[in-house]
N, C-alpha and C. Protein backbone atom coordinates (compact mmCIF):
# COMPACT_ATOMS: atom_id res chain seq x y z
N MET A 1 -6.38 15.14 -28.85
CA MET A 1 -5.17 14.77 -28.15
C MET A 1 -4.35 15.99 -27.87
N LYS A 2 -3.98 16.17 -26.65
CA LYS A 2 -3.17 17.34 -26.17
C LYS A 2 -1.68 17.05 -26.59
N THR A 3 -1.10 18.04 -27.24
CA THR A 3 0.37 17.84 -27.56
C THR A 3 1.16 18.55 -26.55
N LYS A 4 2.42 17.97 -26.37
CA LYS A 4 3.40 18.50 -25.43
C LYS A 4 4.02 19.73 -26.05
N PRO A 5 4.29 20.81 -25.30
CA PRO A 5 4.96 21.94 -25.79
C PRO A 5 6.42 21.58 -26.12
N ASN A 6 6.98 22.27 -27.08
CA ASN A 6 8.37 22.16 -27.46
C ASN A 6 9.29 22.94 -26.52
N TYR A 7 9.75 22.26 -25.44
CA TYR A 7 10.50 22.97 -24.39
C TYR A 7 11.75 23.53 -24.80
N THR A 8 12.38 22.92 -25.76
CA THR A 8 13.65 23.47 -26.34
C THR A 8 13.43 24.80 -26.99
N LYS A 9 12.30 24.88 -27.79
CA LYS A 9 11.99 26.14 -28.48
C LYS A 9 11.58 27.20 -27.39
N ILE A 10 10.79 26.79 -26.40
CA ILE A 10 10.40 27.72 -25.31
C ILE A 10 11.64 28.19 -24.58
N SER A 11 12.64 27.34 -24.29
CA SER A 11 13.83 27.77 -23.63
C SER A 11 14.62 28.76 -24.44
N GLN A 12 14.72 28.55 -25.73
CA GLN A 12 15.41 29.46 -26.61
C GLN A 12 14.76 30.89 -26.58
N ILE A 13 13.49 30.94 -26.58
CA ILE A 13 12.71 32.13 -26.65
C ILE A 13 12.84 32.89 -25.28
N LEU A 14 12.56 32.18 -24.17
CA LEU A 14 12.58 32.78 -22.81
C LEU A 14 13.98 33.24 -22.42
N CYS A 15 14.96 32.40 -22.70
CA CYS A 15 16.31 32.63 -22.21
C CYS A 15 17.22 33.32 -23.22
N ALA A 16 16.75 33.42 -24.49
CA ALA A 16 17.57 33.90 -25.56
C ALA A 16 18.91 33.25 -25.51
N CYS A 17 18.90 31.90 -25.47
CA CYS A 17 20.12 31.13 -25.32
C CYS A 17 20.23 30.16 -26.52
N SER A 18 21.40 29.74 -26.73
CA SER A 18 21.71 28.77 -27.80
C SER A 18 21.19 27.42 -27.48
N ILE A 19 20.78 26.66 -28.44
CA ILE A 19 20.31 25.30 -28.22
C ILE A 19 21.45 24.47 -27.65
N LEU A 20 22.69 24.84 -27.85
CA LEU A 20 23.84 24.13 -27.20
C LEU A 20 23.85 24.20 -25.70
N LEU A 21 23.20 25.21 -25.11
CA LEU A 21 23.17 25.38 -23.65
C LEU A 21 21.92 24.78 -23.01
N ILE A 22 21.07 24.19 -23.79
CA ILE A 22 19.90 23.52 -23.23
C ILE A 22 20.26 22.03 -22.94
N VAL A 23 20.17 21.66 -21.65
CA VAL A 23 20.63 20.34 -21.24
C VAL A 23 19.45 19.30 -21.28
N GLY A 24 19.70 18.22 -21.83
CA GLY A 24 18.70 17.18 -21.89
C GLY A 24 19.30 15.80 -21.83
N ALA A 25 18.56 14.77 -21.90
CA ALA A 25 19.04 13.41 -21.92
C ALA A 25 20.05 13.19 -22.99
N THR A 26 21.06 12.39 -22.77
CA THR A 26 22.00 12.02 -23.75
C THR A 26 22.15 10.56 -23.99
N PHE A 27 22.54 10.14 -25.12
CA PHE A 27 22.60 8.69 -25.41
C PHE A 27 24.00 8.26 -25.70
N LYS A 28 24.28 6.98 -25.65
CA LYS A 28 25.60 6.44 -25.93
C LYS A 28 25.73 6.24 -27.42
N TYR A 29 26.80 6.59 -28.02
CA TYR A 29 27.02 6.38 -29.45
C TYR A 29 28.24 5.55 -29.70
N LYS A 30 28.37 4.91 -30.81
CA LYS A 30 29.63 4.20 -31.22
C LYS A 30 29.93 4.42 -32.65
N PHE A 31 31.24 4.39 -32.93
CA PHE A 31 31.72 4.49 -34.30
C PHE A 31 31.79 3.12 -34.92
N ILE A 32 31.16 3.04 -36.15
CA ILE A 32 31.11 1.79 -36.93
C ILE A 32 32.25 1.92 -38.00
N HIS A 33 33.32 1.15 -37.82
CA HIS A 33 34.49 1.26 -38.77
C HIS A 33 34.08 0.82 -40.18
N SER A 34 33.31 -0.28 -40.29
CA SER A 34 32.93 -0.83 -41.68
C SER A 34 32.12 0.15 -42.53
N THR A 35 31.29 0.91 -41.87
CA THR A 35 30.46 1.84 -42.73
C THR A 35 30.92 3.31 -42.46
N VAL A 36 31.87 3.51 -41.63
CA VAL A 36 32.44 4.83 -41.28
C VAL A 36 31.19 5.72 -40.90
N SER A 37 30.44 5.27 -39.93
CA SER A 37 29.26 6.03 -39.44
C SER A 37 29.23 5.87 -37.90
N ILE A 38 28.34 6.74 -37.38
CA ILE A 38 28.08 6.74 -35.98
C ILE A 38 26.69 6.24 -35.68
N MET A 39 26.61 5.31 -34.73
CA MET A 39 25.20 4.74 -34.45
C MET A 39 24.86 4.97 -33.03
N ARG A 40 23.72 5.39 -32.75
CA ARG A 40 23.22 5.59 -31.36
C ARG A 40 22.89 4.22 -30.77
N GLY A 41 23.36 3.99 -29.62
CA GLY A 41 23.14 2.71 -28.84
C GLY A 41 21.75 2.73 -28.18
N PRO A 42 21.40 1.55 -27.73
CA PRO A 42 20.08 1.39 -27.12
C PRO A 42 19.95 2.00 -25.73
N SER A 43 21.04 2.35 -25.08
CA SER A 43 20.98 2.80 -23.74
C SER A 43 21.32 4.33 -23.58
N ALA A 44 20.87 4.89 -22.57
CA ALA A 44 21.09 6.31 -22.32
C ALA A 44 22.45 6.51 -21.61
N ASN A 45 23.07 7.57 -21.95
CA ASN A 45 24.27 7.93 -21.24
C ASN A 45 23.93 8.74 -19.94
N LEU A 46 22.91 9.47 -20.09
CA LEU A 46 22.48 10.32 -18.95
C LEU A 46 20.94 10.55 -19.04
N ILE A 47 20.25 10.24 -17.99
CA ILE A 47 18.83 10.47 -17.95
C ILE A 47 18.69 11.84 -17.22
N ASN A 48 18.05 12.78 -17.87
CA ASN A 48 17.98 14.14 -17.36
C ASN A 48 16.83 14.28 -16.35
N ASP A 49 16.88 13.60 -15.28
CA ASP A 49 15.82 13.56 -14.27
C ASP A 49 16.46 13.30 -12.90
N LYS A 50 15.84 13.77 -11.85
CA LYS A 50 16.25 13.68 -10.46
C LYS A 50 17.71 14.07 -10.32
N ALA A 51 18.58 13.21 -9.75
CA ALA A 51 19.95 13.57 -9.55
C ALA A 51 20.66 13.70 -10.85
N GLY A 52 20.20 13.27 -11.96
CA GLY A 52 20.79 13.41 -13.28
C GLY A 52 20.77 14.80 -13.80
N LYS A 53 19.86 15.65 -13.34
CA LYS A 53 19.85 17.03 -13.85
C LYS A 53 21.07 17.84 -13.51
N PRO A 54 21.49 17.88 -12.25
CA PRO A 54 22.78 18.61 -11.98
C PRO A 54 23.97 18.00 -12.61
N VAL A 55 24.03 16.65 -12.77
CA VAL A 55 25.12 16.00 -13.47
C VAL A 55 25.13 16.43 -14.88
N GLY A 56 23.93 16.48 -15.57
CA GLY A 56 23.86 16.88 -16.95
C GLY A 56 24.29 18.38 -17.18
N ILE A 57 23.93 19.17 -16.15
CA ILE A 57 24.36 20.57 -16.22
C ILE A 57 25.91 20.67 -16.18
N GLN A 58 26.46 19.97 -15.26
CA GLN A 58 27.95 20.01 -15.12
C GLN A 58 28.62 19.35 -16.35
N MET A 59 28.01 18.40 -16.96
CA MET A 59 28.62 17.75 -18.17
C MET A 59 28.62 18.74 -19.32
N HIS A 60 27.44 19.49 -19.49
CA HIS A 60 27.33 20.35 -20.57
C HIS A 60 27.94 21.70 -20.54
N ILE A 61 27.81 22.33 -19.35
CA ILE A 61 28.32 23.74 -19.29
C ILE A 61 29.55 23.82 -18.32
N GLY A 62 29.79 22.81 -17.56
CA GLY A 62 30.96 22.78 -16.69
C GLY A 62 31.02 23.69 -15.43
N GLN A 63 29.92 24.24 -15.17
CA GLN A 63 29.83 25.09 -13.97
C GLN A 63 28.40 25.17 -13.42
N ARG A 64 28.23 25.68 -12.21
CA ARG A 64 26.85 25.81 -11.75
C ARG A 64 26.16 26.99 -12.48
N PRO A 65 24.87 26.79 -12.82
CA PRO A 65 24.17 27.81 -13.59
C PRO A 65 23.85 28.98 -12.69
N VAL A 66 23.62 30.13 -13.34
CA VAL A 66 23.17 31.44 -12.69
C VAL A 66 21.63 31.39 -12.68
N PHE A 67 21.04 30.79 -13.75
CA PHE A 67 19.60 30.77 -13.99
C PHE A 67 19.16 29.34 -14.22
N ALA A 68 18.18 28.82 -13.50
CA ALA A 68 17.59 27.54 -13.80
C ALA A 68 16.07 27.56 -13.68
N TYR A 69 15.43 26.91 -14.58
CA TYR A 69 13.98 26.89 -14.49
C TYR A 69 13.46 25.47 -14.82
N GLY A 70 12.28 25.19 -14.30
CA GLY A 70 11.66 23.89 -14.50
C GLY A 70 10.19 24.05 -14.72
N ASN A 71 9.52 22.98 -15.21
CA ASN A 71 8.08 23.11 -15.50
C ASN A 71 7.28 22.15 -14.61
N GLU A 72 7.94 21.46 -13.66
CA GLU A 72 7.17 20.54 -12.84
C GLU A 72 7.30 20.71 -11.35
N GLY A 73 8.50 21.03 -10.97
CA GLY A 73 8.70 21.18 -9.52
C GLY A 73 8.97 19.77 -8.84
N GLY A 74 9.30 18.81 -9.67
CA GLY A 74 9.57 17.46 -9.15
C GLY A 74 10.98 17.33 -8.70
N GLU A 75 11.33 16.04 -8.37
CA GLU A 75 12.67 15.81 -7.82
C GLU A 75 13.82 16.36 -8.64
N GLY A 76 13.72 16.25 -9.99
CA GLY A 76 14.72 16.70 -10.89
C GLY A 76 14.93 18.26 -10.80
N ASP A 77 13.80 18.99 -10.85
CA ASP A 77 13.83 20.42 -10.84
C ASP A 77 14.40 20.88 -9.42
N ILE A 78 13.97 20.21 -8.36
CA ILE A 78 14.52 20.56 -7.12
C ILE A 78 16.01 20.36 -6.99
N ALA A 79 16.48 19.23 -7.45
CA ALA A 79 17.98 18.99 -7.46
C ALA A 79 18.64 20.00 -8.26
N MET A 80 18.11 20.36 -9.43
CA MET A 80 18.72 21.43 -10.27
C MET A 80 18.70 22.75 -9.58
N TRP A 81 17.66 23.13 -8.92
CA TRP A 81 17.60 24.46 -8.22
C TRP A 81 18.49 24.51 -7.09
N LYS A 82 18.67 23.42 -6.29
CA LYS A 82 19.62 23.39 -5.21
C LYS A 82 21.03 23.53 -5.67
N TYR A 83 21.26 22.87 -6.77
CA TYR A 83 22.63 22.97 -7.44
C TYR A 83 22.91 24.40 -7.81
N CYS A 84 21.95 25.07 -8.42
CA CYS A 84 22.04 26.51 -8.89
C CYS A 84 22.21 27.40 -7.69
N GLN A 85 21.39 27.15 -6.64
CA GLN A 85 21.43 28.05 -5.45
C GLN A 85 22.77 27.95 -4.67
N SER A 86 23.52 26.89 -4.89
CA SER A 86 24.72 26.69 -4.09
C SER A 86 25.90 27.54 -4.61
N ARG A 87 25.70 28.34 -5.64
CA ARG A 87 26.78 29.31 -6.05
C ARG A 87 26.94 30.32 -5.05
N LYS A 88 28.19 30.90 -5.04
CA LYS A 88 28.43 31.96 -4.01
C LYS A 88 27.86 33.33 -4.56
N TYR A 89 27.40 33.38 -5.80
CA TYR A 89 26.88 34.67 -6.34
C TYR A 89 25.32 34.51 -6.39
N PRO A 90 24.65 35.68 -6.63
CA PRO A 90 23.17 35.63 -6.74
C PRO A 90 22.76 34.73 -7.97
N THR A 91 21.67 34.05 -7.76
CA THR A 91 21.10 33.15 -8.79
C THR A 91 19.61 33.38 -8.90
N LEU A 92 18.97 32.83 -9.97
CA LEU A 92 17.50 32.93 -10.15
C LEU A 92 17.04 31.47 -10.46
N GLN A 93 16.01 31.03 -9.72
CA GLN A 93 15.36 29.80 -10.03
C GLN A 93 13.94 30.10 -10.29
N LEU A 94 13.34 29.39 -11.35
CA LEU A 94 12.01 29.70 -11.76
C LEU A 94 11.13 28.45 -11.98
N LEU A 95 9.95 28.52 -11.61
CA LEU A 95 9.06 27.37 -11.91
C LEU A 95 8.00 27.95 -12.84
N ILE A 96 7.85 27.32 -14.02
CA ILE A 96 6.86 27.69 -15.01
C ILE A 96 5.74 26.70 -15.02
N LYS A 97 4.51 27.24 -14.82
CA LYS A 97 3.37 26.42 -14.86
C LYS A 97 2.79 26.39 -16.24
N ILE A 98 2.71 25.24 -16.82
CA ILE A 98 2.19 24.99 -18.15
C ILE A 98 0.96 24.28 -18.09
N LYS A 99 -0.16 24.86 -18.63
CA LYS A 99 -1.45 24.22 -18.57
C LYS A 99 -1.60 23.14 -19.58
């Protein structure tokens, strides 16, 4: 069985960035008063794909990125790259081919 690469770890190595700056899907959480705990809900707050990628970037870092890379070149990566390219300053978009 082929295992999927750990993209979070790859991102940290390639970009030398904090795990806090790596954007991914997020879930809805709620506070449970009776047990004083937080429980993850069954639904996603944000799906990090297609038009959700630029939205996730804005939610996490609050500005258009200078550097964006993807591993597929699908709709999500294209939306993210277009969002990155729309800055008024130079940017870099990268497609990484993983076998």
